[in-house]
N, C-alpha and C. Protein backbone atom coordinates (compact mmCIF):
# COMPACT_ATOMS: atom_id res chain seq x y z
N MET A 1 -12.32 235.44 -225.11
CA MET A 1 -13.29 235.58 -224.03
C MET A 1 -13.89 234.23 -223.63
N LYS A 2 -14.15 233.37 -224.64
CA LYS A 2 -14.73 232.07 -224.34
C LYS A 2 -13.79 231.23 -223.47
N LYS A 3 -12.49 231.34 -223.73
CA LYS A 3 -11.52 230.57 -222.93
C LYS A 3 -11.59 230.97 -221.47
N ILE A 4 -11.76 232.24 -221.21
CA ILE A 4 -11.87 232.71 -219.83
C ILE A 4 -13.12 232.13 -219.18
N MET A 5 -14.22 232.13 -219.90
CA MET A 5 -15.47 231.58 -219.36
C MET A 5 -15.31 230.10 -219.03
N TYR A 6 -14.67 229.34 -219.93
CA TYR A 6 -14.50 227.91 -219.70
C TYR A 6 -13.59 227.64 -218.50
N LEU A 7 -12.63 228.49 -218.29
CA LEU A 7 -11.75 228.35 -217.13
C LEU A 7 -12.46 228.73 -215.85
N ALA A 8 -13.36 229.69 -215.90
CA ALA A 8 -14.04 230.17 -214.70
C ALA A 8 -15.07 229.18 -214.19
N LEU A 9 -15.70 228.44 -215.07
CA LEU A 9 -16.77 227.53 -214.64
C LEU A 9 -16.30 226.49 -213.62
N PRO A 10 -15.19 225.77 -213.84
CA PRO A 10 -14.74 224.82 -212.81
C PRO A 10 -14.39 225.50 -211.50
N ILE A 11 -13.83 226.68 -211.57
CA ILE A 11 -13.49 227.41 -210.34
C ILE A 11 -14.75 227.77 -209.58
N MET A 12 -15.79 228.22 -210.28
CA MET A 12 -17.06 228.56 -209.62
C MET A 12 -17.64 227.33 -208.95
N PHE A 13 -17.55 226.16 -209.59
CA PHE A 13 -18.08 224.94 -209.00
C PHE A 13 -17.33 224.59 -207.73
N VAL A 14 -16.02 224.70 -207.75
CA VAL A 14 -15.21 224.39 -206.56
C VAL A 14 -15.58 225.33 -205.43
N VAL A 15 -15.73 226.61 -205.72
CA VAL A 15 -16.10 227.58 -204.69
C VAL A 15 -17.47 227.23 -204.12
N SER A 16 -18.43 226.92 -204.98
CA SER A 16 -19.77 226.57 -204.51
C SER A 16 -19.75 225.30 -203.68
N ASN A 17 -18.99 224.31 -204.15
CA ASN A 17 -18.89 223.05 -203.44
C ASN A 17 -18.23 223.24 -202.08
N ALA A 18 -17.17 224.03 -202.04
CA ALA A 18 -16.49 224.30 -200.77
C ALA A 18 -17.41 225.04 -199.82
N TYR A 19 -18.15 226.01 -200.32
CA TYR A 19 -19.10 226.76 -199.50
C TYR A 19 -20.16 225.83 -198.92
N ALA A 20 -20.72 224.98 -199.76
CA ALA A 20 -21.77 224.06 -199.30
C ALA A 20 -21.22 223.13 -198.22
N ASN A 21 -20.04 222.61 -198.44
CA ASN A 21 -19.44 221.72 -197.43
C ASN A 21 -19.14 222.45 -196.14
N ASP A 22 -18.71 223.71 -196.24
CA ASP A 22 -18.46 224.51 -195.04
C ASP A 22 -19.74 224.74 -194.24
N VAL A 23 -20.83 225.01 -194.94
CA VAL A 23 -22.12 225.22 -194.26
C VAL A 23 -22.53 223.95 -193.53
N ILE A 24 -22.45 222.82 -194.22
CA ILE A 24 -22.82 221.54 -193.60
C ILE A 24 -21.94 221.26 -192.40
N THR A 25 -20.65 221.40 -192.55
CA THR A 25 -19.71 221.12 -191.46
C THR A 25 -19.97 222.01 -190.25
N ALA A 26 -20.24 223.28 -190.49
CA ALA A 26 -20.45 224.22 -189.40
C ALA A 26 -21.73 223.93 -188.61
N LEU A 27 -22.75 223.45 -189.29
CA LEU A 27 -24.05 223.26 -188.63
C LEU A 27 -24.34 221.83 -188.22
N ASP A 28 -23.63 220.88 -188.74
CA ASP A 28 -23.93 219.47 -188.57
C ASP A 28 -23.47 218.95 -187.21
N VAL A 29 -24.31 219.09 -186.23
CA VAL A 29 -23.98 218.71 -184.86
C VAL A 29 -23.79 217.20 -184.72
N ASP A 30 -24.64 216.41 -185.37
CA ASP A 30 -24.55 214.95 -185.22
C ASP A 30 -23.62 214.29 -186.24
N LYS A 31 -22.94 215.09 -187.04
CA LYS A 31 -21.90 214.62 -187.97
C LYS A 31 -22.38 213.55 -188.96
N ASP A 32 -23.60 213.74 -189.49
CA ASP A 32 -24.11 212.82 -190.51
C ASP A 32 -24.04 213.42 -191.91
N ASN A 33 -23.33 214.56 -192.04
CA ASN A 33 -23.18 215.28 -193.31
C ASN A 33 -24.49 215.81 -193.87
N LEU A 34 -25.43 216.04 -192.97
CA LEU A 34 -26.74 216.61 -193.32
C LEU A 34 -27.10 217.66 -192.26
N VAL A 35 -27.94 218.59 -192.65
CA VAL A 35 -28.45 219.57 -191.68
C VAL A 35 -29.95 219.34 -191.55
N ASN A 36 -30.39 219.00 -190.34
CA ASN A 36 -31.82 218.83 -190.10
C ASN A 36 -32.40 220.15 -189.58
N MET A 37 -33.70 220.19 -189.37
CA MET A 37 -34.34 221.44 -188.96
C MET A 37 -33.83 221.93 -187.62
N GLU A 38 -33.55 221.03 -186.72
CA GLU A 38 -33.04 221.42 -185.40
C GLU A 38 -31.68 222.10 -185.54
N GLU A 39 -30.82 221.53 -186.36
CA GLU A 39 -29.50 222.12 -186.59
C GLU A 39 -29.60 223.44 -187.34
N ALA A 40 -30.58 223.56 -188.22
CA ALA A 40 -30.76 224.79 -189.01
C ALA A 40 -31.22 225.97 -188.16
N LYS A 41 -31.76 225.69 -186.98
CA LYS A 41 -32.24 226.77 -186.10
C LYS A 41 -31.13 227.73 -185.69
N ILE A 42 -29.89 227.30 -185.81
CA ILE A 42 -28.76 228.16 -185.48
C ILE A 42 -28.75 229.41 -186.36
N LEU A 43 -29.19 229.25 -187.61
CA LEU A 43 -29.26 230.36 -188.56
C LEU A 43 -30.71 230.60 -188.95
N PRO A 44 -31.35 231.61 -188.38
CA PRO A 44 -32.77 231.85 -188.68
C PRO A 44 -33.07 232.01 -190.17
N ASP A 45 -32.16 232.61 -190.94
CA ASP A 45 -32.38 232.76 -192.38
C ASP A 45 -32.39 231.40 -193.08
N LEU A 46 -31.52 230.51 -192.65
CA LEU A 46 -31.49 229.16 -193.21
C LEU A 46 -32.78 228.42 -192.86
N LEU A 47 -33.20 228.53 -191.62
CA LEU A 47 -34.43 227.87 -191.20
C LEU A 47 -35.62 228.38 -192.00
N ALA A 48 -35.65 229.67 -192.28
CA ALA A 48 -36.75 230.25 -193.06
C ALA A 48 -36.78 229.71 -194.50
N GLN A 49 -35.62 229.34 -195.03
CA GLN A 49 -35.52 228.81 -196.40
C GLN A 49 -35.43 227.29 -196.44
N PHE A 50 -35.59 226.65 -195.30
CA PHE A 50 -35.36 225.20 -195.20
C PHE A 50 -36.17 224.41 -196.23
N ASP A 51 -37.47 224.67 -196.32
CA ASP A 51 -38.31 223.91 -197.24
C ASP A 51 -37.93 224.15 -198.70
N THR A 52 -37.47 225.35 -199.00
CA THR A 52 -37.02 225.66 -200.36
C THR A 52 -35.74 224.91 -200.68
N LEU A 53 -34.83 224.86 -199.74
CA LEU A 53 -33.56 224.16 -199.94
C LEU A 53 -33.73 222.64 -200.01
N ASP A 54 -34.65 222.11 -199.23
CA ASP A 54 -34.85 220.66 -199.12
C ASP A 54 -35.63 220.15 -200.33
N LYS A 55 -34.95 220.03 -201.46
CA LYS A 55 -35.60 219.66 -202.72
C LYS A 55 -36.21 218.27 -202.70
N ASN A 56 -35.58 217.33 -202.03
CA ASN A 56 -36.13 215.96 -202.02
C ASN A 56 -37.09 215.71 -200.85
N LYS A 57 -37.34 216.74 -200.06
CA LYS A 57 -38.34 216.71 -198.97
C LYS A 57 -38.10 215.59 -197.97
N ASP A 58 -36.81 215.37 -197.64
CA ASP A 58 -36.48 214.35 -196.65
C ASP A 58 -36.23 214.96 -195.27
N LYS A 59 -36.53 216.25 -195.14
CA LYS A 59 -36.35 216.99 -193.88
C LYS A 59 -34.89 217.14 -193.50
N MET A 60 -34.01 217.05 -194.49
CA MET A 60 -32.57 217.22 -194.32
C MET A 60 -32.05 218.03 -195.50
N ILE A 61 -31.02 218.83 -195.24
CA ILE A 61 -30.36 219.57 -196.31
C ILE A 61 -28.94 219.00 -196.45
N ASP A 62 -28.58 218.67 -197.68
CA ASP A 62 -27.22 218.19 -197.93
C ASP A 62 -26.49 219.21 -198.80
N ALA A 63 -25.21 218.96 -199.02
CA ALA A 63 -24.38 219.90 -199.78
C ALA A 63 -24.90 220.09 -201.20
N THR A 64 -25.39 219.03 -201.82
CA THR A 64 -25.91 219.13 -203.18
C THR A 64 -27.09 220.09 -203.25
N GLU A 65 -27.96 220.04 -202.26
CA GLU A 65 -29.11 220.94 -202.25
C GLU A 65 -28.68 222.40 -202.08
N ILE A 66 -27.65 222.63 -201.30
CA ILE A 66 -27.13 223.99 -201.13
C ILE A 66 -26.52 224.48 -202.45
N ILE A 67 -25.77 223.61 -203.12
CA ILE A 67 -25.16 223.98 -204.40
C ILE A 67 -26.24 224.31 -205.43
N GLU A 68 -27.25 223.48 -205.51
CA GLU A 68 -28.33 223.72 -206.47
C GLU A 68 -29.06 225.04 -206.16
N TYR A 69 -29.26 225.31 -204.91
CA TYR A 69 -29.92 226.57 -204.51
C TYR A 69 -29.06 227.76 -204.93
N ARG A 70 -27.77 227.68 -204.68
CA ARG A 70 -26.87 228.80 -205.05
C ARG A 70 -26.78 228.98 -206.56
N LYS A 71 -26.83 227.91 -207.32
CA LYS A 71 -26.82 228.01 -208.78
C LYS A 71 -28.06 228.75 -209.28
N ALA A 72 -29.18 228.53 -208.61
CA ALA A 72 -30.44 229.15 -209.03
C ALA A 72 -30.51 230.64 -208.68
N GLN A 73 -29.65 231.08 -207.80
CA GLN A 73 -29.67 232.48 -207.37
C GLN A 73 -29.13 233.42 -208.40
């Protein structure tokens, strides 16, 4: 059972990383690999969680912040 768990962890990371990058790519209008509040307005649920996602409080969401948020869920 432990071997299965160890094999699943890297796969989960890749899925999370791919998801985060897809979110950024889909919303990133100015192509800076970040989502600002204006870009986040496309998804009202994302905008509502913007401050929670923006861990470093730079008014931008990056892929790392999305991954960390998903890990905490």
